[in-house]
Amino acid sequence: MIAIGADHAGFEYKEKIKELLKSMGLEFQDFGTHSKESTDYPDYAHSVAAAVSSGKAEYGILICGTGIGMSIVANKHNGVRACNVESTEGARLAREHNNANVLALGARLTSWEKAKEIIRTFFSTKFDGGRHQRRIEKIHTLTKL
């Protein structure tokens, strides 16, 4: 299951992403926002990241104006590896090398056509494991200190 959330700047993309996920046969839960009314991005980033951290969701997608604030908040949660990417290459490498489990997008920086490509790449790319697993373990070890 994919947890999805956005602030007001990402609301329109969130609605489009839900349709894209349906067309890809992927299940999701919408954590809000549910309008273009101004809101605070940390509220939605925390909700989505908590779902991923707890195992209620396998992946998350967060959308705000830039994706930056959302990814900062999400990465505060144990076990979350949020990536803020603007290219398909970034999405591919985030999955292959970092086993990213939350994708953050910037609706003001990324065209809808590019966002669709990024999402498709993110969900079609597998983690490489191997030496990358050792590195990921070091990430989460340090966050527990």
N, C-alpha and C. Protein backbone atom coordinates (compact mmCIF):
# COMPACT_ATOMS: atom_id res chain seq x y z
N MET A 1 0.83 -1.17 0.00
CA MET A 1 0.00 0.00 0.00
C MET A 1 0.88 1.24 0.00
N ILE A 2 0.44 2.26 -0.69
CA ILE A 2 1.16 3.53 -0.80
C ILE A 2 0.39 4.59 -0.03
N ALA A 3 1.06 5.27 0.89
CA ALA A 3 0.48 6.40 1.59
C ALA A 3 0.79 7.65 0.77
N ILE A 4 -0.21 8.49 0.56
CA ILE A 4 0.01 9.69 -0.25
C ILE A 4 -0.52 10.91 0.49
N GLY A 5 0.25 11.99 0.43
CA GLY A 5 -0.17 13.22 1.10
C GLY A 5 0.42 14.44 0.42
N ALA A 6 -0.28 15.54 0.57
CA ALA A 6 0.16 16.80 -0.05
C ALA A 6 -0.35 17.98 0.76
N ASP A 7 0.34 19.09 0.61
CA ASP A 7 -0.19 20.33 1.14
C ASP A 7 -0.98 21.00 0.01
N HIS A 8 -1.38 22.24 0.22
CA HIS A 8 -2.19 22.95 -0.78
C HIS A 8 -1.47 23.08 -2.13
N ALA A 9 -0.15 23.29 -2.11
CA ALA A 9 0.61 23.45 -3.35
C ALA A 9 0.67 22.14 -4.15
N GLY A 10 0.55 21.02 -3.47
CA GLY A 10 0.62 19.73 -4.13
C GLY A 10 -0.72 19.05 -4.33
N PHE A 11 -1.80 19.71 -3.91
CA PHE A 11 -3.13 19.08 -3.96
C PHE A 11 -3.51 18.60 -5.36
N GLU A 12 -3.37 19.45 -6.37
CA GLU A 12 -3.77 19.06 -7.72
C GLU A 12 -2.96 17.88 -8.22
N TYR A 13 -1.64 17.85 -7.96
CA TYR A 13 -0.83 16.71 -8.36
C TYR A 13 -1.26 15.46 -7.61
N LYS A 14 -1.58 15.61 -6.33
CA LYS A 14 -2.00 14.45 -5.55
C LYS A 14 -3.22 13.80 -6.18
N GLU A 15 -4.17 14.60 -6.58
CA GLU A 15 -5.38 14.07 -7.20
C GLU A 15 -5.05 13.35 -8.51
N LYS A 16 -4.14 13.90 -9.30
CA LYS A 16 -3.71 13.26 -10.56
C LYS A 16 -2.93 11.98 -10.27
N ILE A 17 -2.10 12.01 -9.23
CA ILE A 17 -1.30 10.84 -8.88
C ILE A 17 -2.19 9.69 -8.44
N LYS A 18 -3.26 9.98 -7.74
CA LYS A 18 -4.20 8.93 -7.35
C LYS A 18 -4.76 8.22 -8.58
N GLU A 19 -5.10 8.97 -9.61
CA GLU A 19 -5.59 8.37 -10.85
C GLU A 19 -4.49 7.55 -11.53
N LEU A 20 -3.27 8.07 -11.52
CA LEU A 20 -2.14 7.34 -12.10
C LEU A 20 -1.91 6.02 -11.36
N LEU A 21 -1.92 6.06 -10.04
CA LEU A 21 -1.72 4.84 -9.26
C LEU A 21 -2.81 3.82 -9.54
N LYS A 22 -4.04 4.28 -9.65
CA LYS A 22 -5.15 3.38 -10.01
C LYS A 22 -4.87 2.71 -11.35
N SER A 23 -4.43 3.49 -12.32
CA SER A 23 -4.15 2.95 -13.66
C SER A 23 -2.99 1.96 -13.64
N MET A 24 -2.10 2.09 -12.66
CA MET A 24 -0.97 1.18 -12.51
C MET A 24 -1.33 -0.04 -11.66
N GLY A 25 -2.54 -0.06 -11.14
CA GLY A 25 -2.99 -1.17 -10.30
C GLY A 25 -2.40 -1.15 -8.90
N LEU A 26 -2.02 0.03 -8.42
CA LEU A 26 -1.41 0.16 -7.10
C LEU A 26 -2.43 0.71 -6.10
N GLU A 27 -2.46 0.11 -4.92
CA GLU A 27 -3.37 0.55 -3.86
C GLU A 27 -2.73 1.70 -3.08
N PHE A 28 -3.56 2.61 -2.62
CA PHE A 28 -3.06 3.77 -1.87
C PHE A 28 -4.09 4.19 -0.85
N GLN A 29 -3.60 5.00 0.11
CA GLN A 29 -4.46 5.67 1.08
C GLN A 29 -4.11 7.15 1.04
N ASP A 30 -5.11 7.99 0.92
CA ASP A 30 -4.94 9.43 0.84
C ASP A 30 -4.97 10.03 2.25
N PHE A 31 -3.86 10.65 2.66
CA PHE A 31 -3.74 11.27 3.98
C PHE A 31 -4.02 12.78 3.94
N GLY A 32 -4.51 13.29 2.81
CA GLY A 32 -4.83 14.70 2.71
C GLY A 32 -3.70 15.50 2.09
N THR A 33 -3.90 16.74 1.96
CA THR A 33 -5.02 17.60 2.18
C THR A 33 -6.10 17.31 1.15
N HIS A 34 -7.28 17.87 1.40
CA HIS A 34 -8.41 17.58 0.52
C HIS A 34 -8.94 18.83 -0.18
N SER A 35 -8.11 19.88 -0.23
CA SER A 35 -8.50 21.10 -0.94
C SER A 35 -7.25 21.93 -1.22
N LYS A 36 -7.43 23.04 -1.93
CA LYS A 36 -6.33 23.97 -2.21
C LYS A 36 -6.16 25.01 -1.11
N GLU A 37 -6.96 24.90 -0.05
CA GLU A 37 -6.88 25.86 1.06
C GLU A 37 -5.51 25.74 1.74
N SER A 38 -4.90 26.86 2.07
CA SER A 38 -3.56 26.88 2.66
C SER A 38 -3.50 25.99 3.90
N THR A 39 -2.43 25.22 3.98
CA THR A 39 -2.24 24.28 5.07
C THR A 39 -0.75 24.12 5.35
N ASP A 40 -0.40 23.36 6.36
CA ASP A 40 1.00 23.18 6.77
C ASP A 40 1.52 21.82 6.32
N TYR A 41 2.55 21.83 5.48
CA TYR A 41 3.07 20.58 4.92
C TYR A 41 3.54 19.56 5.96
N PRO A 42 4.09 19.97 7.12
CA PRO A 42 4.55 18.95 8.07
C PRO A 42 3.44 18.01 8.53
N ASP A 43 2.20 18.51 8.61
CA ASP A 43 1.10 17.66 9.07
C ASP A 43 0.95 16.43 8.18
N TYR A 44 1.04 16.62 6.88
CA TYR A 44 0.84 15.53 5.92
C TYR A 44 2.10 14.68 5.79
N ALA A 45 3.24 15.31 5.86
CA ALA A 45 4.50 14.56 5.80
C ALA A 45 4.63 13.62 6.99
N HIS A 46 4.27 14.10 8.18
CA HIS A 46 4.32 13.24 9.37
C HIS A 46 3.35 12.07 9.25
N SER A 47 2.15 12.32 8.76
CA SER A 47 1.15 11.25 8.64
C SER A 47 1.61 10.16 7.67
N VAL A 48 2.10 10.56 6.51
CA VAL A 48 2.56 9.60 5.51
C VAL A 48 3.79 8.86 6.02
N ALA A 49 4.74 9.58 6.57
CA ALA A 49 5.97 8.95 7.06
C ALA A 49 5.69 7.99 8.21
N ALA A 50 4.76 8.33 9.08
CA ALA A 50 4.39 7.45 10.18
C ALA A 50 3.80 6.15 9.64
N ALA A 51 3.00 6.24 8.60
CA ALA A 51 2.43 5.03 8.00
C ALA A 51 3.52 4.14 7.43
N VAL A 52 4.52 4.73 6.80
CA VAL A 52 5.63 3.95 6.25
C VAL A 52 6.50 3.40 7.37
N SER A 53 6.82 4.23 8.34
CA SER A 53 7.67 3.80 9.45
C SER A 53 7.06 2.65 10.23
N SER A 54 5.75 2.66 10.41
CA SER A 54 5.06 1.63 11.19
C SER A 54 4.80 0.36 10.39
N GLY A 55 4.98 0.43 9.08
CA GLY A 55 4.70 -0.73 8.24
C GLY A 55 3.27 -0.78 7.73
N LYS A 56 2.46 0.20 8.07
CA LYS A 56 1.08 0.24 7.55
C LYS A 56 1.08 0.50 6.05
N ALA A 57 2.11 1.17 5.57
CA ALA A 57 2.29 1.41 4.14
C ALA A 57 3.70 0.98 3.77
N GLU A 58 3.85 0.44 2.59
CA GLU A 58 5.18 0.04 2.12
C GLU A 58 5.94 1.24 1.56
N TYR A 59 5.20 2.14 0.91
CA TYR A 59 5.79 3.32 0.28
C TYR A 59 4.94 4.54 0.58
N GLY A 60 5.54 5.71 0.32
CA GLY A 60 4.81 6.96 0.44
C GLY A 60 5.13 7.88 -0.71
N ILE A 61 4.19 8.77 -0.99
CA ILE A 61 4.41 9.85 -1.95
C ILE A 61 3.96 11.13 -1.28
N LEU A 62 4.82 12.14 -1.31
CA LEU A 62 4.52 13.45 -0.73
C LEU A 62 4.70 14.52 -1.79
N ILE A 63 3.77 15.47 -1.83
CA ILE A 63 3.85 16.53 -2.82
C ILE A 63 3.61 17.87 -2.15
N CYS A 64 4.53 18.80 -2.36
CA CYS A 64 4.35 20.18 -1.93
C CYS A 64 4.90 21.05 -3.06
N GLY A 65 5.19 22.29 -2.79
CA GLY A 65 5.70 23.17 -3.83
C GLY A 65 7.03 22.73 -4.40
N THR A 66 7.95 22.34 -3.51
CA THR A 66 9.28 21.94 -3.95
C THR A 66 9.61 20.48 -3.64
N GLY A 67 8.93 19.88 -2.69
CA GLY A 67 9.27 18.53 -2.22
C GLY A 67 10.32 18.55 -1.13
N ILE A 68 10.96 19.67 -0.93
CA ILE A 68 12.07 19.77 0.02
C ILE A 68 11.57 19.65 1.46
N GLY A 69 10.62 20.49 1.84
CA GLY A 69 10.12 20.44 3.21
C GLY A 69 9.54 19.09 3.56
N MET A 70 8.77 18.53 2.64
CA MET A 70 8.18 17.21 2.87
C MET A 70 9.24 16.15 3.13
N SER A 71 10.31 16.16 2.32
CA SER A 71 11.35 15.14 2.49
C SER A 71 12.11 15.34 3.80
N ILE A 72 12.32 16.58 4.20
CA ILE A 72 13.00 16.84 5.48
C ILE A 72 12.19 16.26 6.63
N VAL A 73 10.90 16.52 6.63
CA VAL A 73 10.03 16.02 7.70
C VAL A 73 9.99 14.50 7.68
N ALA A 74 9.77 13.92 6.52
CA ALA A 74 9.62 12.46 6.42
C ALA A 74 10.87 11.75 6.91
N ASN A 75 12.03 12.29 6.63
CA ASN A 75 13.28 11.64 7.03
C ASN A 75 13.54 11.69 8.53
N LYS A 76 12.71 12.36 9.27
CA LYS A 76 12.82 12.35 10.73
C LYS A 76 12.26 11.06 11.32
N HIS A 77 11.51 10.30 10.54
CA HIS A 77 10.87 9.07 11.01
C HIS A 77 11.79 7.87 10.81
N ASN A 78 11.87 7.03 11.83
CA ASN A 78 12.73 5.86 11.77
C ASN A 78 12.34 4.95 10.61
N GLY A 79 13.33 4.54 9.85
CA GLY A 79 13.11 3.62 8.75
C GLY A 79 12.66 4.26 7.46
N VAL A 80 12.41 5.55 7.48
CA VAL A 80 11.99 6.25 6.27
C VAL A 80 13.22 6.76 5.53
N ARG A 81 13.22 6.52 4.23
CA ARG A 81 14.27 7.03 3.35
C ARG A 81 13.57 7.79 2.23
N ALA A 82 13.30 9.05 2.51
CA ALA A 82 12.58 9.89 1.56
C ALA A 82 13.57 10.56 0.61
N CYS A 83 13.18 10.57 -0.66
CA CYS A 83 14.02 11.21 -1.68
C CYS A 83 13.21 12.30 -2.36
N ASN A 84 13.82 13.43 -2.54
CA ASN A 84 13.22 14.54 -3.27
C ASN A 84 13.91 14.56 -4.62
N VAL A 85 13.22 14.12 -5.66
CA VAL A 85 13.85 14.02 -6.98
C VAL A 85 13.08 14.81 -8.02
N GLU A 86 13.82 15.24 -9.04
CA GLU A 86 13.23 15.99 -10.15
C GLU A 86 13.52 15.32 -11.48
N SER A 87 14.08 14.10 -11.45
CA SER A 87 14.41 13.40 -12.69
C SER A 87 14.15 11.91 -12.54
N THR A 88 13.97 11.25 -13.67
CA THR A 88 13.79 9.80 -13.63
C THR A 88 15.08 9.11 -13.18
N GLU A 89 16.21 9.67 -13.55
CA GLU A 89 17.50 9.10 -13.11
C GLU A 89 17.62 9.17 -11.59
N GLY A 90 17.21 10.28 -11.01
CA GLY A 90 17.22 10.40 -9.55
C GLY A 90 16.30 9.40 -8.89
N ALA A 91 15.13 9.20 -9.47
CA ALA A 91 14.18 8.22 -8.92
C ALA A 91 14.75 6.81 -9.02
N ARG A 92 15.36 6.48 -10.16
CA ARG A 92 15.94 5.15 -10.35
C ARG A 92 17.07 4.90 -9.34
N LEU A 93 17.96 5.85 -9.20
CA LEU A 93 19.09 5.68 -8.29
C LEU A 93 18.65 5.67 -6.83
N ALA A 94 17.63 6.46 -6.50
CA ALA A 94 17.12 6.46 -5.12
C ALA A 94 16.60 5.09 -4.74
N ARG A 95 15.96 4.41 -5.67
CA ARG A 95 15.45 3.05 -5.41
C ARG A 95 16.59 2.03 -5.44
N GLU A 96 17.43 2.07 -6.47
CA GLU A 96 18.49 1.08 -6.63
C GLU A 96 19.52 1.15 -5.51
N HIS A 97 19.96 2.33 -5.17
CA HIS A 97 21.08 2.49 -4.23
C HIS A 97 20.64 2.76 -2.80
N ASN A 98 19.52 3.46 -2.62
CA ASN A 98 19.11 3.89 -1.29
C ASN A 98 17.86 3.19 -0.78
N ASN A 99 17.28 2.34 -1.60
CA ASN A 99 16.02 1.67 -1.25
C ASN A 99 15.02 2.69 -0.71
N ALA A 100 14.94 3.85 -1.38
CA ALA A 100 14.02 4.90 -0.96
C ALA A 100 12.61 4.35 -0.88
N ASN A 101 11.90 4.73 0.17
CA ASN A 101 10.54 4.24 0.35
C ASN A 101 9.50 5.37 0.38
N VAL A 102 9.96 6.60 0.28
CA VAL A 102 9.06 7.74 0.17
C VAL A 102 9.59 8.65 -0.94
N LEU A 103 8.72 8.98 -1.86
CA LEU A 103 9.04 9.87 -2.97
C LEU A 103 8.44 11.23 -2.71
N ALA A 104 9.26 12.27 -2.72
CA ALA A 104 8.78 13.65 -2.54
C ALA A 104 8.93 14.39 -3.86
N LEU A 105 7.86 15.05 -4.26
CA LEU A 105 7.84 15.78 -5.52
C LEU A 105 7.48 17.24 -5.29
N GLY A 106 8.02 18.09 -6.13
CA GLY A 106 7.72 19.52 -6.09
C GLY A 106 6.82 19.90 -7.24
N ALA A 107 5.57 20.20 -6.96
CA ALA A 107 4.61 20.54 -8.00
C ALA A 107 4.98 21.85 -8.71
N ARG A 108 5.71 22.72 -8.04
CA ARG A 108 6.10 23.99 -8.66
C ARG A 108 7.38 23.87 -9.47
N LEU A 109 8.09 22.76 -9.31
CA LEU A 109 9.38 22.59 -9.99
C LEU A 109 9.38 21.50 -11.05
N THR A 110 8.40 20.62 -11.00
CA THR A 110 8.38 19.45 -11.88
C THR A 110 7.09 19.45 -12.69
N SER A 111 7.23 19.37 -14.00
CA SER A 111 6.03 19.32 -14.84
C SER A 111 5.25 18.04 -14.55
N TRP A 112 3.97 18.06 -14.87
CA TRP A 112 3.16 16.87 -14.64
C TRP A 112 3.66 15.70 -15.48
N GLU A 113 4.06 15.94 -16.71
CA GLU A 113 4.57 14.86 -17.57
C GLU A 113 5.82 14.24 -16.93
N LYS A 114 6.72 15.06 -16.43
CA LYS A 114 7.93 14.55 -15.78
C LYS A 114 7.58 13.83 -14.48
N ALA A 115 6.65 14.35 -13.72
CA ALA A 115 6.24 13.71 -12.47
C ALA A 115 5.71 12.30 -12.74
N LYS A 116 4.91 12.13 -13.79
CA LYS A 116 4.40 10.80 -14.15
C LYS A 116 5.55 9.84 -14.45
N GLU A 117 6.55 10.31 -15.20
CA GLU A 117 7.71 9.47 -15.52
C GLU A 117 8.47 9.10 -14.25
N ILE A 118 8.64 10.05 -13.36
CA ILE A 118 9.35 9.81 -12.10
C ILE A 118 8.62 8.76 -11.27
N ILE A 119 7.32 8.89 -11.16
CA ILE A 119 6.52 7.93 -10.37
C ILE A 119 6.61 6.53 -10.98
N ARG A 120 6.45 6.44 -12.28
CA ARG A 120 6.55 5.13 -12.94
C ARG A 120 7.93 4.51 -12.72
N THR A 121 8.97 5.32 -12.83
CA THR A 121 10.34 4.83 -12.62
C THR A 121 10.53 4.38 -11.18
N PHE A 122 10.07 5.19 -10.24
CA PHE A 122 10.23 4.87 -8.82
C PHE A 122 9.61 3.51 -8.50
N PHE A 123 8.40 3.26 -8.98
CA PHE A 123 7.70 2.02 -8.64
C PHE A 123 8.07 0.83 -9.51
N SER A 124 8.83 1.04 -10.56
CA SER A 124 9.26 -0.09 -11.39
C SER A 124 10.71 -0.48 -11.14
N THR A 125 11.40 0.28 -10.28
CA THR A 125 12.81 0.03 -10.00
C THR A 125 12.97 -0.74 -8.70
N LYS A 126 13.79 -1.75 -8.73
CA LYS A 126 14.05 -2.58 -7.55
C LYS A 126 15.36 -2.15 -6.89
N PHE A 127 15.45 -2.39 -5.61
CA PHE A 127 16.65 -2.15 -4.81
C PHE A 127 17.73 -3.14 -5.22
N ASP A 128 18.96 -2.67 -5.41
CA ASP A 128 20.08 -3.52 -5.82
C ASP A 128 20.63 -4.39 -4.68
N GLY A 129 20.44 -3.96 -3.44
CA GLY A 129 20.98 -4.73 -2.31
C GLY A 129 22.50 -4.67 -2.28
N GLY A 130 23.12 -5.79 -1.90
CA GLY A 130 24.58 -5.87 -1.86
C GLY A 130 25.20 -4.80 -0.99
N ARG A 131 26.20 -4.13 -1.54
CA ARG A 131 26.92 -3.11 -0.77
C ARG A 131 26.00 -1.98 -0.33
N HIS A 132 24.91 -1.76 -1.07
CA HIS A 132 23.98 -0.70 -0.72
C HIS A 132 23.21 -1.02 0.56
N GLN A 133 22.95 -2.29 0.82
CA GLN A 133 22.26 -2.68 2.05
C GLN A 133 23.10 -2.32 3.27
N ARG A 134 24.38 -2.56 3.19
CA ARG A 134 25.28 -2.23 4.30
C ARG A 134 25.21 -0.72 4.60
N ARG A 135 25.15 0.07 3.58
CA ARG A 135 25.11 1.52 3.75
C ARG A 135 23.79 1.97 4.36
N ILE A 136 22.71 1.36 3.94
CA ILE A 136 21.40 1.69 4.50
C ILE A 136 21.34 1.34 5.98
N GLU A 137 21.91 0.20 6.33
CA GLU A 137 21.93 -0.18 7.74
C GLU A 137 22.67 0.86 8.58
N LYS A 138 23.69 1.47 8.02
CA LYS A 138 24.42 2.51 8.73
C LYS A 138 23.58 3.77 8.92
N ILE A 139 22.72 4.07 7.98
CA ILE A 139 21.84 5.22 8.10
C ILE A 139 20.95 5.07 9.34
N HIS A 140 20.31 3.93 9.43
CA HIS A 140 19.34 3.73 10.50
C HIS A 140 20.00 3.44 11.84
N THR A 141 21.20 2.93 11.84
CA THR A 141 21.93 2.76 13.07
C THR A 141 22.23 4.13 13.69
N LEU A 142 22.65 5.06 12.88
CA LEU A 142 23.00 6.38 13.38
C LEU A 142 21.78 7.13 13.89
N THR A 143 20.61 6.91 13.28
CA THR A 143 19.43 7.64 13.74
C THR A 143 18.92 7.11 15.08
N LYS A 144 19.42 5.95 15.51
CA LYS A 144 18.97 5.38 16.77
C LYS A 144 19.86 5.77 17.94
N LEU A 145 20.97 6.47 17.68
CA LEU A 145 21.89 6.86 18.74
C LEU A 145 21.29 7.90 19.66
